[in-house]
């Protein structure tokens, strides 16, 4: 079986699929739109959930500070993605911090009202269950993959995931991320990322200029990520 990038991507952009017209109208009534700049914090780890969010434009990373003092990035949300509903539905505090990776525009749905609307909408409730179930599989796929891969394989995998997230409508992708964040995402160190990126450049697999990465040979990177 070949490399399957879909195993590592949520489907939260499908949250409003086949929603009843009345439900959609109610959601519009509790929605506001705000602009944020790069490095702004949307919510902090340990804070109370207050809303459901949808990215109209931009990207958001979610990261967690562990007890050992290390920070790990768990996911990067892109245009169209909904997020923030898991702790709201489970009545728990945010387990992660959400930080904007670039200037962004975001829809904010008031939390308590969103829950009320979801309870009254069979389609929205079903979509939430389906999306949460799929997200669980994505977490398992990523954790399982990172747990048994070498550092080079981990970094190759994360670069492939990011390559899809930064791909534009024309099919062109240019990853913009610090090496420190790539290390946090791949569960490696910055020094290791620098070394592996250097190796991938020497092999003609990617081009790196500062925080910008352009993958030239995806097929070879997939082979590395799969450990072949």
Protein backbone atom coordinates (compact mmCIF):
# COMPACT_ATOMS: atom_id res chain seq x y z
CA UNK A 1 0.00 0.00 0.00
CA UNK A 2 1.33 3.45 -0.94
CA UNK A 3 1.63 6.53 1.22
CA UNK A 4 -1.79 7.89 2.27
CA UNK A 5 -1.73 11.52 3.38
CA UNK A 6 -5.48 11.43 4.12
CA UNK A 7 -4.70 9.32 7.20
CA UNK A 8 -3.29 12.43 8.85
CA UNK A 9 -5.96 15.02 8.02
CA UNK A 10 -9.17 15.88 9.87
CA UNK A 11 -12.52 16.34 8.11
CA UNK A 12 -13.83 19.17 10.28
CA UNK A 13 -14.41 21.30 7.17
CA UNK A 14 -17.44 19.03 6.57
CA UNK A 15 -19.16 20.01 9.82
CA UNK A 16 -21.99 21.91 8.14
CA UNK A 17 -22.63 19.33 5.42
CA UNK A 18 -26.37 18.72 4.78
CA UNK A 19 -27.36 20.96 7.70
CA UNK A 20 -31.03 21.91 7.92
CA UNK A 21 -31.80 25.47 6.67
CA UNK A 22 -33.22 26.52 10.06
CA UNK A 23 -30.09 25.26 11.81
CA UNK A 24 -27.84 27.11 9.38
CA UNK A 25 -29.80 30.30 9.98
CA UNK A 26 -29.44 29.92 13.75
CA UNK A 27 -25.69 29.35 13.42
CA UNK A 28 -25.39 32.52 11.36
CA UNK A 29 -27.10 34.36 14.19
CA UNK A 30 -24.45 33.39 16.76
CA UNK A 31 -21.47 33.95 14.47
CA UNK A 32 -19.00 36.81 14.55
CA UNK A 33 -15.90 37.36 12.41
CA UNK A 34 -12.55 38.60 13.69
CA UNK A 35 -9.09 39.25 12.26
CA UNK A 36 -5.90 38.05 13.94
CA UNK A 37 -2.23 38.55 13.17
CA UNK A 38 0.63 36.07 13.12
CA UNK A 39 1.59 34.75 16.60
CA UNK A 40 -1.67 35.91 18.21
CA UNK A 41 -3.03 33.41 20.75
CA UNK A 42 -6.66 32.38 20.23
CA UNK A 43 -6.92 30.43 23.49
CA UNK A 44 -4.50 29.07 26.08
CA UNK A 45 -3.96 25.57 27.39
CA UNK A 46 -6.03 25.20 30.55
CA UNK A 47 -8.51 27.94 29.67
CA UNK A 48 -12.28 27.48 29.63
CA UNK A 49 -13.78 26.79 26.18
CA UNK A 50 -16.08 29.58 25.05
CA UNK A 51 -16.65 29.07 21.34
CA UNK A 52 -16.37 26.98 18.20
CA UNK A 53 -14.08 28.37 15.51
CA UNK A 54 -13.79 28.15 11.73
CA UNK A 55 -10.86 29.48 9.75
CA UNK A 56 -11.94 31.62 6.81
CA UNK A 57 -8.34 32.40 5.97
CA UNK A 58 -4.97 31.53 7.46
CA UNK A 59 -3.52 28.77 9.64
CA UNK A 60 -3.54 27.88 13.33
CA UNK A 61 -1.26 25.48 15.19
CA UNK A 62 -2.34 23.74 18.38
CA UNK A 63 0.42 22.90 20.82
CA UNK A 64 0.74 21.51 24.32
CA UNK A 65 3.28 22.15 27.05
CA UNK A 66 4.05 18.81 28.69
CA UNK A 67 5.01 18.18 32.31
CA UNK A 68 8.62 17.71 31.24
CA UNK A 69 8.68 21.30 29.97
CA UNK A 70 8.66 20.36 26.29
CA UNK A 71 6.17 21.77 23.80
CA UNK A 72 4.64 19.57 21.14
CA UNK A 73 2.59 20.63 18.13
CA UNK A 74 -0.31 18.26 17.54
CA UNK A 75 -2.04 19.70 14.49
CA UNK A 76 -2.23 22.61 12.05
CA UNK A 77 -5.68 23.85 11.02
CA UNK A 78 -6.16 25.44 7.62
CA UNK A 79 -8.80 27.43 5.72
CA UNK A 80 -12.26 25.91 6.13
CA UNK A 81 -11.47 23.86 9.25
CA UNK A 82 -13.70 23.97 12.35
CA UNK A 83 -12.09 23.44 15.74
CA UNK A 84 -12.52 24.07 19.46
CA UNK A 85 -15.69 22.00 19.82
CA UNK A 86 -14.16 18.96 21.54
CA UNK A 87 -13.54 20.56 25.00
CA UNK A 88 -16.80 22.47 24.67
CA UNK A 89 -18.79 19.25 24.19
CA UNK A 90 -16.93 17.38 26.94
CA UNK A 91 -17.13 20.35 29.35
CA UNK A 92 -13.37 20.31 29.89
CA UNK A 93 -10.66 22.95 29.71
CA UNK A 94 -8.64 23.40 26.55
CA UNK A 95 -5.84 20.79 26.55
CA UNK A 96 -3.84 22.83 24.02
CA UNK A 97 -2.93 26.39 23.08
CA UNK A 98 -4.05 27.70 19.68
CA UNK A 99 -1.65 30.12 17.96
CA UNK A 100 -1.97 31.77 14.55
CA UNK A 101 0.82 30.88 12.13
CA UNK A 102 -0.07 33.77 9.83
CA UNK A 103 -2.49 36.68 9.53
CA UNK A 104 -5.92 35.07 9.64
CA UNK A 105 -9.67 35.65 9.48
CA UNK A 106 -11.83 33.48 11.71
CA UNK A 107 -15.50 32.81 12.40
CA UNK A 108 -16.44 32.54 16.08
CA UNK A 109 -19.62 30.72 17.15
CA UNK A 110 -20.72 31.37 20.74
CA UNK A 111 -20.21 28.13 22.65
CA UNK A 112 -23.35 27.67 24.74
CA UNK A 113 -25.61 28.64 21.87
CA UNK A 114 -23.74 26.29 19.52
CA UNK A 115 -24.41 23.38 21.88
CA UNK A 116 -28.11 24.26 22.08
CA UNK A 117 -28.38 24.35 18.29
CA UNK A 118 -26.48 21.06 17.94
CA UNK A 119 -28.88 19.34 20.35
CA UNK A 120 -31.82 20.39 18.18
CA UNK A 121 -30.23 19.44 14.85
CA UNK A 122 -29.92 15.71 14.04
CA UNK A 123 -27.64 16.41 11.08
CA UNK A 124 -25.28 18.70 12.99
CA UNK A 125 -25.15 16.24 15.90
CA UNK A 126 -24.38 13.36 13.53
CA UNK A 127 -21.68 15.40 11.78
CA UNK A 128 -20.03 16.16 15.12
CA UNK A 129 -19.97 12.48 16.08
CA UNK A 130 -18.62 11.47 12.68
CA UNK A 131 -15.91 14.14 12.70
CA UNK A 132 -14.82 13.38 16.27
CA UNK A 133 -14.63 9.67 15.46
CA UNK A 134 -12.50 10.36 12.40
CA UNK A 135 -10.24 12.70 14.38
CA UNK A 136 -9.61 9.91 16.87
CA UNK A 137 -8.37 7.72 14.01
CA UNK A 138 -6.11 10.53 12.79
CA UNK A 139 -4.57 10.92 16.26
CA UNK A 140 -3.94 7.17 16.44
CA UNK A 141 -2.39 7.13 12.96
CA UNK A 142 -0.02 10.00 13.78
CA UNK A 143 0.95 8.74 17.24
CA UNK A 144 1.51 5.24 15.91
CA UNK A 145 3.60 6.48 12.99
CA UNK A 146 5.81 8.78 15.06
CA UNK A 147 6.34 6.18 17.78
CA UNK A 148 8.22 3.71 15.59
CA UNK A 149 9.93 5.93 13.01
CA UNK A 150 13.50 7.21 12.99
CA UNK A 151 14.09 10.96 13.30
CA UNK A 152 14.61 11.29 9.55
CA UNK A 153 11.40 9.40 8.83
CA UNK A 154 9.44 11.52 11.33
CA UNK A 155 10.62 14.77 9.78
CA UNK A 156 9.88 13.49 6.27
CA UNK A 157 6.34 12.58 7.36
CA UNK A 158 5.68 15.98 8.93
CA UNK A 159 7.03 17.75 5.84
CA UNK A 160 4.60 15.76 3.68
CA UNK A 161 1.70 16.64 5.98
CA UNK A 162 2.66 20.32 5.91
CA UNK A 163 3.12 20.20 2.15
CA UNK A 164 -0.57 19.35 1.76
CA UNK A 165 -1.66 22.02 4.23
CA UNK A 166 0.24 24.74 2.37
CA UNK A 167 -0.85 23.64 -1.12
CA UNK A 168 -2.81 26.39 -2.89
CA UNK A 169 -5.63 26.15 -5.43
CA UNK A 170 -3.10 25.90 -8.25
CA UNK A 171 -1.50 22.85 -6.65
CA UNK A 172 1.64 24.76 -5.65
CA UNK A 173 2.94 24.33 -2.11
CA UNK A 174 5.45 26.42 -0.18
CA UNK A 175 5.77 25.49 3.48
CA UNK A 176 6.41 28.42 5.82
CA UNK A 177 7.40 27.25 9.28
CA UNK A 178 10.36 27.55 11.63
CA UNK A 179 12.65 24.59 12.12
CA UNK A 180 11.80 24.78 15.83
CA UNK A 181 8.12 24.22 15.05
CA UNK A 182 8.94 21.36 12.68
CA UNK A 183 10.89 19.80 15.55
CA UNK A 184 7.91 20.22 17.91
CA UNK A 185 5.59 18.67 15.32
CA UNK A 186 7.89 15.72 14.55
CA UNK A 187 8.93 15.05 18.17
CA UNK A 188 12.59 15.65 17.35
CA UNK A 189 15.08 18.42 18.15
CA UNK A 190 15.86 21.58 16.19
CA UNK A 191 19.41 20.34 15.68
CA UNK A 192 18.11 17.11 14.17
CA UNK A 193 15.73 19.01 11.89
CA UNK A 194 18.60 21.21 10.67
CA UNK A 195 20.70 18.13 9.93
CA UNK A 196 17.91 16.24 8.14
CA UNK A 197 16.86 19.31 6.12
CA UNK A 198 20.49 19.69 5.04
CA UNK A 199 20.57 16.06 3.92
CA UNK A 200 17.30 16.43 1.98
CA UNK A 201 18.68 19.52 0.26
CA UNK A 202 21.86 17.69 -0.73
CA UNK A 203 19.74 14.92 -2.25
CA UNK A 204 17.70 17.43 -4.26
CA UNK A 205 14.48 16.51 -2.45
CA UNK A 206 13.66 20.01 -1.23
CA UNK A 207 14.81 23.63 -1.29
CA UNK A 208 15.11 25.53 1.99
CA UNK A 209 15.42 29.30 2.36
CA UNK A 210 15.08 30.39 5.97
CA UNK A 211 11.58 29.44 7.10
CA UNK A 212 10.45 28.47 3.60
CA UNK A 213 10.53 24.92 2.26
CA UNK A 214 9.67 23.74 -1.23
CA UNK A 215 9.48 20.00 -1.77
CA UNK A 216 10.88 19.07 -5.18
CA UNK A 217 10.52 15.29 -5.08
CA UNK A 218 7.48 14.15 -3.09
CA UNK A 219 7.83 10.51 -4.15
CA UNK A 220 11.31 10.16 -2.67
CA UNK A 221 10.19 11.96 0.50
CA UNK A 222 7.29 9.49 0.78
CA UNK A 223 9.72 6.59 0.47
CA UNK A 224 11.86 8.06 3.27
CA UNK A 225 8.79 8.65 5.46
CA UNK A 226 7.69 5.05 4.99
CA UNK A 227 11.14 3.76 5.96
CA UNK A 228 11.92 2.07 2.67
